[in-house]
Amino acid sequence: QIPAAVAALRPHILWVTALFVLATLAGFWMVHTYPDLIGLVASPDMIASVERGELWTEGLLSIAPSSIVSAQIFTNNIVVSLFAFCVGFLFGLGTLYIVALNGLMLGAVFAFTAQHGLAQKLFSFILAHGCVELSVMCLSGAAGAAVGEALIRPGAAGRAEAFQMAVLRSGRVLFACVLLLIGSGFIEGYISPDPD
């Protein structure tokens, strides 16, 4: 049933992905043009680390064992994805905000690391797990947008019935998203921080 649910979400997936890409480009342009704006999306420790020529991801395994890092990462990613879905209940506006904010932050961080010659290292770190995480965020955002649309345009079925159908259909996609994020968390906790 999951492939059919994803196929039904195809228009929402396209729009949410387009929003994410545009927000990423906007974040990159913003920090590339006005470098001081990185303080809006990055912590002072992260900024100081990049300005020293180091990624904050270096030494990730020296802070905590891989099992702890992995569990924290996939738990955080699952919470963000579920939140992106649940705030779709606010007529889709919350979902659009979460997706745009994450895109803006990603673009801003890449612009900042590029200014310090670290964009390639960041890309190498993100490549192993980021494709799955970003895809899952767009999928869960699309599911939230579908729920929001069901509330805005319920059609002949009525608002309550349209909402219920959208939640049930989208919920199947979220189950797959959670499984993908668990796998991605293991990659990010065990493989991405390992210099070898």
Protein backbone atom coordinates (compact mmCIF):
# COMPACT_ATOMS: atom_id res chain seq x y z
CA GLN A 1 0.00 0.00 0.00
CA ILE A 2 2.97 2.33 0.48
CA PRO A 3 3.81 2.69 -3.24
CA ALA A 4 0.19 3.55 -4.00
CA ALA A 5 0.16 6.13 -1.17
CA VAL A 6 3.38 7.70 -2.50
CA ALA A 7 1.92 7.79 -6.03
CA ALA A 8 -1.14 9.60 -4.69
CA LEU A 9 1.16 12.15 -3.03
CA ARG A 10 3.15 12.81 -6.23
CA PRO A 11 1.86 16.39 -6.81
CA HIS A 12 2.49 17.27 -3.17
CA ILE A 13 5.96 15.73 -3.30
CA LEU A 14 6.84 17.84 -6.35
CA TRP A 15 5.63 21.09 -4.75
CA VAL A 16 7.26 20.40 -1.38
CA THR A 17 10.55 19.43 -3.06
CA ALA A 18 10.44 22.60 -5.18
CA LEU A 19 9.85 24.66 -2.03
CA PHE A 20 12.80 22.95 -0.30
CA VAL A 21 15.13 23.54 -3.26
CA LEU A 22 14.09 27.20 -3.57
CA ALA A 23 14.54 27.74 0.17
CA THR A 24 17.99 26.11 0.00
CA LEU A 25 19.02 28.41 -2.85
CA ALA A 26 17.63 31.41 -0.96
CA GLY A 27 19.59 30.43 2.18
CA PHE A 28 22.78 30.03 0.14
CA TRP A 29 22.30 33.41 -1.55
CA MET A 30 21.45 35.09 1.75
CA VAL A 31 24.64 34.02 3.56
CA HIS A 32 26.81 34.32 0.44
CA THR A 33 25.65 37.93 0.03
CA TYR A 34 25.40 38.85 3.73
CA PRO A 35 27.81 36.56 5.64
CA ASP A 36 26.85 37.94 9.07
CA LEU A 37 23.38 36.41 8.71
CA ILE A 38 24.82 32.96 9.45
CA GLY A 39 24.20 33.80 13.12
CA LEU A 40 20.48 33.37 12.45
CA VAL A 41 20.81 29.65 11.67
CA ALA A 42 24.06 28.47 13.25
CA SER A 43 25.26 28.30 16.84
CA PRO A 44 28.27 30.36 17.97
CA ASP A 45 30.25 27.13 18.55
CA MET A 46 29.56 25.94 15.02
CA ILE A 47 30.54 29.33 13.58
CA ALA A 48 33.77 29.38 15.60
CA SER A 49 34.61 25.84 14.49
CA VAL A 50 34.17 26.66 10.80
CA GLU A 51 36.15 29.88 11.17
CA ARG A 52 39.03 27.80 12.62
CA GLY A 53 38.88 25.66 9.48
CA GLU A 54 37.19 22.66 11.10
CA LEU A 55 33.78 21.13 10.57
CA TRP A 56 31.70 20.67 13.69
CA THR A 57 31.22 17.07 12.49
CA GLU A 58 34.90 16.29 13.01
CA GLY A 59 35.44 14.47 16.25
CA LEU A 60 31.77 13.55 16.45
CA LEU A 61 32.73 10.08 17.65
CA SER A 62 35.01 11.49 20.36
CA ILE A 63 32.01 13.15 22.05
CA ALA A 64 29.96 9.98 22.44
CA PRO A 65 30.01 6.38 21.21
CA SER A 66 28.55 5.67 17.77
CA SER A 67 25.51 3.97 19.27
CA ILE A 68 24.57 7.10 21.24
CA VAL A 69 25.26 9.44 18.33
CA SER A 70 23.24 7.24 15.98
CA ALA A 71 20.28 7.01 18.37
CA GLN A 72 20.25 10.78 18.91
CA ILE A 73 20.41 11.46 15.19
CA PHE A 74 17.65 9.13 14.07
CA THR A 75 15.44 10.15 17.00
CA ASN A 76 15.85 13.82 16.07
CA ASN A 77 15.18 13.13 12.39
CA ILE A 78 12.06 11.09 13.17
CA VAL A 79 10.74 13.87 15.43
CA VAL A 80 11.34 16.49 12.71
CA SER A 81 9.60 14.34 10.07
CA LEU A 82 6.62 13.59 12.30
CA PHE A 83 6.42 17.26 13.22
CA ALA A 84 6.46 18.24 9.52
CA PHE A 85 3.52 15.90 9.03
CA CYS A 86 1.57 16.91 12.14
CA VAL A 87 1.79 20.65 11.56
CA GLY A 88 0.07 19.96 8.25
CA PHE A 89 -3.05 19.89 10.42
CA LEU A 90 -2.71 23.70 10.47
CA PHE A 91 -4.04 23.77 6.91
CA GLY A 92 -0.58 22.87 5.57
CA LEU A 93 1.02 26.14 6.66
CA GLY A 94 3.12 24.56 9.40
CA THR A 95 4.48 21.97 7.00
CA LEU A 96 5.48 24.62 4.49
CA TYR A 97 7.24 26.55 7.26
CA ILE A 98 9.22 23.50 8.47
CA VAL A 99 10.29 22.51 4.95
CA ALA A 100 11.28 26.07 4.00
CA LEU A 101 13.16 26.60 7.27
CA ASN A 102 15.18 23.40 6.83
CA GLY A 103 16.03 24.33 3.24
CA LEU A 104 17.04 27.84 4.30
CA MET A 105 19.31 26.45 7.02
CA LEU A 106 20.94 23.90 4.68
CA GLY A 107 21.68 26.53 2.04
CA ALA A 108 23.01 28.99 4.62
CA VAL A 109 25.35 26.42 6.16
CA PHE A 110 26.69 25.40 2.76
CA ALA A 111 27.33 29.04 1.83
CA PHE A 112 29.13 29.63 5.13
CA THR A 113 31.30 26.52 4.82
CA ALA A 114 32.06 27.42 1.18
CA GLN A 115 33.39 30.80 2.31
CA HIS A 116 35.87 28.95 4.52
CA GLY A 117 36.80 26.24 2.02
CA LEU A 118 34.90 23.46 3.83
CA ALA A 119 31.90 22.91 1.55
CA GLN A 120 33.47 19.84 -0.07
CA LYS A 121 34.13 18.24 3.32
CA LEU A 122 30.58 18.99 4.44
CA PHE A 123 29.20 17.53 1.22
CA SER A 124 31.27 14.36 1.72
CA PHE A 125 29.94 14.03 5.26
CA ILE A 126 26.31 14.56 4.24
CA LEU A 127 26.34 12.47 1.06
CA ALA A 128 26.09 9.06 2.73
CA HIS A 129 22.96 9.84 4.74
CA GLY A 130 21.66 13.23 3.60
CA CYS A 131 19.98 11.99 0.42
CA VAL A 132 17.73 9.70 2.47
CA GLU A 133 17.08 12.28 5.19
CA LEU A 134 16.19 15.06 2.77
CA SER A 135 13.99 12.74 0.71
CA VAL A 136 12.17 11.60 3.84
CA MET A 137 11.67 15.19 4.94
CA CYS A 138 10.11 16.00 1.57
CA LEU A 139 7.92 12.87 1.78
CA SER A 140 6.68 13.67 5.27
CA GLY A 141 6.21 17.29 4.27
CA ALA A 142 4.17 16.16 1.27
CA ALA A 143 2.06 13.98 3.57
CA GLY A 144 1.46 16.97 5.84
CA ALA A 145 0.61 19.16 2.84
CA ALA A 146 -1.92 16.55 1.65
CA VAL A 147 -3.61 16.63 5.06
CA GLY A 148 -3.66 20.43 4.95
CA GLU A 149 -5.18 20.39 1.48
CA ALA A 150 -7.85 17.96 2.65
CA LEU A 151 -8.81 20.51 5.30
CA ILE A 152 -8.80 23.43 2.87
CA ARG A 153 -10.48 21.65 -0.06
CA PRO A 154 -12.43 18.72 1.34
CA GLY A 155 -14.56 18.21 -1.76
CA ALA A 156 -17.92 16.45 -1.68
CA ALA A 157 -16.86 14.05 1.10
CA GLY A 158 -16.91 16.72 3.79
CA ARG A 159 -14.05 18.09 5.85
CA ALA A 160 -13.96 15.39 8.55
CA GLU A 161 -14.07 12.50 6.08
CA ALA A 162 -11.51 14.09 3.73
CA PHE A 163 -9.21 14.73 6.69
CA GLN A 164 -9.54 11.14 7.90
CA MET A 165 -8.83 9.70 4.45
CA ALA A 166 -5.78 11.95 3.98
CA VAL A 167 -4.36 11.00 7.39
CA LEU A 168 -4.83 7.27 6.79
CA ARG A 169 -3.31 7.41 3.32
CA SER A 170 -0.37 9.58 4.42
CA GLY A 171 0.23 7.54 7.57
CA ARG A 172 1.38 4.61 5.45
CA VAL A 173 4.11 6.79 3.96
CA LEU A 174 5.23 7.90 7.42
CA PHE A 175 5.77 4.30 8.48
CA ALA A 176 8.25 3.86 5.62
CA CYS A 177 9.84 7.23 6.46
CA VAL A 178 10.55 6.15 10.04
CA LEU A 179 12.24 2.94 8.86
CA LEU A 180 14.37 4.87 6.37
CA LEU A 181 15.41 7.38 9.05
CA ILE A 182 16.50 4.60 11.41
CA GLY A 183 18.78 3.23 8.69
CA SER A 184 20.04 6.70 7.87
CA GLY A 185 20.76 7.35 11.55
CA PHE A 186 22.96 4.27 11.70
CA ILE A 187 24.88 5.48 8.65
CA GLU A 188 25.29 8.97 10.12
CA GLY A 189 26.34 7.65 13.53
CA TYR A 190 28.70 4.88 12.42
CA ILE A 191 29.91 5.61 8.88
CA SER A 192 29.82 9.35 8.13
CA PRO A 193 32.00 10.47 11.11
CA ASP A 194 34.60 7.74 10.51
CA PRO A 195 37.54 9.28 8.61
CA ASP A 196 38.47 5.87 7.20
